[in-house]
């Protein structure tokens, strides 16, 4: 779709982690921010496209029913 907005935390970060001397706390902060934005985007998509969201829920339910442990 479109490129996500970059924040101060992620502007200079190297994807892949600790090679750049990144702290664990900074990585966790960025991950938490990413997960919050992902959750928000999914909620927005579900509100805007309810039929597609319902179809996706049905597909997910089918995957869960047919998954072998």
Protein backbone atom coordinates (compact mmCIF):
# COMPACT_ATOMS: atom_id res chain seq x y z
CA UNK A 1 0.00 0.00 0.00
CA UNK A 2 2.09 2.91 1.27
CA UNK A 3 5.28 3.17 3.23
CA UNK A 4 4.75 3.57 6.99
CA UNK A 5 5.82 6.78 8.66
CA UNK A 6 9.29 6.67 10.11
CA UNK A 7 9.83 7.72 13.70
CA UNK A 8 12.98 8.96 15.41
CA UNK A 9 13.63 5.46 16.78
CA UNK A 10 13.60 3.76 13.39
CA UNK A 11 15.17 6.44 11.20
CA UNK A 12 18.75 5.25 11.75
CA UNK A 13 18.11 1.63 12.68
CA UNK A 14 19.55 -1.20 10.66
CA UNK A 15 17.07 -4.01 9.96
CA UNK A 16 18.29 -7.24 11.48
CA UNK A 17 19.28 -6.04 14.86
CA UNK A 18 22.27 -6.06 17.13
CA UNK A 19 24.98 -5.67 14.47
CA UNK A 20 24.66 -1.89 14.90
CA UNK A 21 24.96 -2.12 18.70
CA UNK A 22 21.23 -1.63 19.20
CA UNK A 23 20.03 -2.10 22.76
CA UNK A 24 17.42 -4.69 23.64
CA UNK A 25 15.20 -1.98 25.15
CA UNK A 26 15.23 0.04 21.91
CA UNK A 27 14.40 -3.07 19.89
CA UNK A 28 11.50 -3.91 22.19
CA UNK A 29 10.22 -0.32 22.03
CA UNK A 30 10.27 -0.38 18.23
CA UNK A 31 8.61 -3.80 18.16
CA UNK A 32 5.85 -2.65 20.53
CA UNK A 33 5.25 0.44 18.37
CA UNK A 34 5.11 -1.71 15.23
CA UNK A 35 2.62 -4.13 16.80
CA UNK A 36 0.41 -1.25 17.99
CA UNK A 37 0.36 0.26 14.50
CA UNK A 38 -0.31 -3.14 12.93
CA UNK A 39 -3.24 -3.76 15.26
CA UNK A 40 -4.62 -0.29 14.56
CA UNK A 41 -4.32 -0.83 10.79
CA UNK A 42 -6.13 -4.17 11.00
CA UNK A 43 -8.96 -2.62 13.02
CA UNK A 44 -9.31 0.19 10.49
CA UNK A 45 -9.37 -2.25 7.59
CA UNK A 46 -12.03 -4.33 9.35
CA UNK A 47 -14.21 -1.24 9.85
CA UNK A 48 -13.79 -0.04 6.27
CA UNK A 49 -14.23 -3.44 4.58
CA UNK A 50 -16.52 -5.54 6.79
CA UNK A 51 -17.29 -8.18 4.18
CA UNK A 52 -13.63 -8.80 3.43
CA UNK A 53 -12.89 -8.83 7.16
CA UNK A 54 -15.60 -11.46 7.72
CA UNK A 55 -14.20 -13.61 4.91
CA UNK A 56 -10.73 -13.33 6.45
CA UNK A 57 -12.10 -14.38 9.86
CA UNK A 58 -13.75 -17.40 8.23
CA UNK A 59 -10.49 -18.37 6.50
CA UNK A 60 -8.57 -17.99 9.77
CA UNK A 61 -11.15 -20.15 11.58
CA UNK A 62 -10.81 -22.82 8.91
CA UNK A 63 -7.02 -22.74 9.23
CA UNK A 64 -7.30 -23.13 12.98
CA UNK A 65 -9.73 -26.05 12.66
CA UNK A 66 -7.52 -27.90 10.20
CA UNK A 67 -4.18 -27.21 11.88
CA UNK A 68 -2.49 -30.34 13.25
CA UNK A 69 -0.61 -29.99 16.54
